[in-house]
N, C-alpha and C. Protein backbone atom coordinates (compact mmCIF):
# COMPACT_ATOMS: atom_id res chain seq x y z
N MET A 1 -15.78 -23.00 -2.36
CA MET A 1 -14.42 -22.90 -1.89
C MET A 1 -14.41 -23.13 -0.38
N SER A 2 -13.64 -24.06 0.06
CA SER A 2 -13.59 -24.42 1.47
C SER A 2 -12.55 -23.57 2.21
N LYS A 3 -12.88 -23.19 3.41
CA LYS A 3 -11.94 -22.44 4.24
C LYS A 3 -11.48 -23.32 5.41
N TYR A 4 -11.15 -24.56 5.10
CA TYR A 4 -10.75 -25.50 6.14
C TYR A 4 -9.47 -25.07 6.85
N GLY A 5 -8.52 -24.53 6.11
CA GLY A 5 -7.25 -24.13 6.69
C GLY A 5 -7.37 -22.97 7.67
N GLU A 6 -8.37 -22.12 7.49
CA GLU A 6 -8.51 -20.96 8.36
C GLU A 6 -9.10 -21.30 9.72
N LYS A 7 -9.69 -22.47 9.88
CA LYS A 7 -10.27 -22.83 11.16
C LYS A 7 -9.20 -23.11 12.20
N ASN A 8 -8.02 -23.50 11.75
CA ASN A 8 -6.95 -23.87 12.67
C ASN A 8 -6.08 -22.70 13.08
N ILE A 9 -6.31 -21.51 12.53
CA ILE A 9 -5.47 -20.35 12.85
C ILE A 9 -5.94 -19.75 14.18
N ARG A 10 -4.98 -19.59 15.09
CA ARG A 10 -5.27 -18.96 16.39
C ARG A 10 -4.42 -17.71 16.52
N ALA A 11 -4.97 -16.70 17.12
CA ALA A 11 -4.20 -15.48 17.36
C ALA A 11 -3.09 -15.78 18.35
N TYR A 12 -1.93 -15.22 18.11
CA TYR A 12 -0.75 -15.38 18.97
C TYR A 12 -0.30 -16.84 19.07
N GLY A 13 -0.52 -17.61 18.03
CA GLY A 13 -0.05 -18.99 18.01
C GLY A 13 1.41 -19.04 17.61
N ASN A 14 1.95 -20.23 17.46
CA ASN A 14 3.35 -20.40 17.10
C ASN A 14 3.63 -20.01 15.65
N ASN A 15 2.59 -19.93 14.82
CA ASN A 15 2.78 -19.59 13.41
C ASN A 15 2.99 -18.09 13.21
N PHE A 16 2.68 -17.28 14.20
CA PHE A 16 2.80 -15.84 14.08
C PHE A 16 4.06 -15.37 14.79
N THR A 17 4.78 -14.46 14.17
CA THR A 17 6.04 -14.00 14.75
C THR A 17 5.91 -12.61 15.38
N THR A 18 4.69 -12.12 15.54
CA THR A 18 4.51 -10.80 16.14
C THR A 18 4.70 -10.90 17.65
N MET A 19 5.17 -9.81 18.23
CA MET A 19 5.36 -9.79 19.68
C MET A 19 4.02 -9.55 20.36
N THR A 20 3.80 -10.23 21.45
CA THR A 20 2.59 -10.00 22.23
C THR A 20 2.94 -9.09 23.40
N PRO A 21 2.08 -8.15 23.74
CA PRO A 21 2.40 -7.22 24.83
C PRO A 21 2.42 -7.94 26.18
N GLY A 22 3.37 -7.58 26.99
CA GLY A 22 3.48 -8.15 28.32
C GLY A 22 2.54 -7.45 29.28
N PRO A 23 2.55 -7.88 30.53
CA PRO A 23 1.63 -7.27 31.50
C PRO A 23 1.93 -5.80 31.77
N VAL A 24 3.21 -5.40 31.74
CA VAL A 24 3.54 -3.99 31.98
C VAL A 24 3.04 -3.13 30.82
N ALA A 25 3.25 -3.60 29.59
CA ALA A 25 2.79 -2.85 28.42
C ALA A 25 1.27 -2.72 28.42
N LYS A 26 0.58 -3.79 28.79
CA LYS A 26 -0.89 -3.72 28.86
C LYS A 26 -1.33 -2.72 29.91
N TRP A 27 -0.64 -2.71 31.05
CA TRP A 27 -1.00 -1.79 32.11
C TRP A 27 -0.76 -0.34 31.69
N LEU A 28 0.39 -0.09 31.03
CA LEU A 28 0.69 1.27 30.59
C LEU A 28 -0.31 1.76 29.54
N ARG A 29 -0.82 0.86 28.72
CA ARG A 29 -1.78 1.25 27.69
C ARG A 29 -3.14 1.59 28.27
N THR A 30 -3.46 1.07 29.44
CA THR A 30 -4.77 1.30 30.02
C THR A 30 -4.75 2.26 31.21
N CYS A 31 -3.57 2.63 31.68
CA CYS A 31 -3.45 3.52 32.84
C CYS A 31 -3.71 4.97 32.41
N LEU A 32 -4.74 5.57 32.94
CA LEU A 32 -5.10 6.94 32.55
C LEU A 32 -4.08 7.97 33.01
N ILE A 33 -3.46 7.74 34.17
CA ILE A 33 -2.45 8.69 34.66
C ILE A 33 -1.25 8.71 33.72
N PHE A 34 -0.78 7.52 33.33
CA PHE A 34 0.35 7.44 32.41
C PHE A 34 0.00 8.05 31.06
N GLN A 35 -1.21 7.82 30.58
CA GLN A 35 -1.63 8.38 29.30
C GLN A 35 -1.69 9.91 29.37
N ALA A 36 -2.13 10.46 30.48
CA ALA A 36 -2.19 11.91 30.64
C ALA A 36 -0.78 12.51 30.64
N ILE A 37 0.14 11.86 31.33
CA ILE A 37 1.53 12.34 31.35
C ILE A 37 2.13 12.28 29.95
N ARG A 38 1.89 11.19 29.24
CA ARG A 38 2.39 11.05 27.87
C ARG A 38 1.80 12.13 26.96
N PHE A 39 0.52 12.41 27.14
CA PHE A 39 -0.16 13.44 26.35
C PHE A 39 0.50 14.80 26.55
N VAL A 40 0.81 15.14 27.79
CA VAL A 40 1.44 16.42 28.08
C VAL A 40 2.84 16.48 27.47
N ILE A 41 3.61 15.42 27.60
CA ILE A 41 4.97 15.40 27.06
C ILE A 41 4.96 15.55 25.54
N ILE A 42 4.06 14.82 24.88
CA ILE A 42 3.98 14.91 23.42
C ILE A 42 3.56 16.31 22.99
N ASN A 43 2.63 16.93 23.71
CA ASN A 43 2.20 18.29 23.37
C ASN A 43 3.32 19.30 23.56
N ILE A 44 4.13 19.13 24.60
CA ILE A 44 5.27 20.03 24.81
C ILE A 44 6.26 19.88 23.67
N LYS A 45 6.52 18.65 23.25
CA LYS A 45 7.43 18.42 22.13
C LYS A 45 6.91 19.06 20.85
N MET A 46 5.61 18.97 20.62
CA MET A 46 5.02 19.60 19.43
C MET A 46 5.13 21.11 19.50
N LEU A 47 4.91 21.70 20.68
CA LEU A 47 5.03 23.14 20.83
C LEU A 47 6.47 23.61 20.55
N VAL A 48 7.45 22.82 20.97
CA VAL A 48 8.84 23.17 20.71
C VAL A 48 9.12 23.15 19.21
N VAL A 49 8.64 22.12 18.52
CA VAL A 49 8.85 22.02 17.08
C VAL A 49 8.18 23.17 16.34
N VAL A 50 6.94 23.48 16.72
CA VAL A 50 6.22 24.56 16.05
C VAL A 50 6.85 25.91 16.35
N SER A 51 7.31 26.11 17.57
CA SER A 51 7.92 27.41 17.91
C SER A 51 9.25 27.61 17.18
N LYS A 52 9.96 26.54 16.86
CA LYS A 52 11.22 26.68 16.11
C LYS A 52 10.95 27.08 14.67
N SER A 53 9.80 26.69 14.14
CA SER A 53 9.52 26.98 12.73
C SER A 53 8.94 28.38 12.52
N HIS A 54 8.47 29.01 13.58
CA HIS A 54 7.87 30.33 13.42
C HIS A 54 8.78 31.42 13.91
């Protein structure tokens, strides 16, 4: 079985309709300060949800 058609597939080519991350999104994903702030905010939200249930 030949896989000739798969050789021409490129990631993020015109055949794919997925969004590619921009430079700001890439920076936010790799910035440790932003990730730490996000971590704290998510943990506070979880504490609020858990405290409402108990």
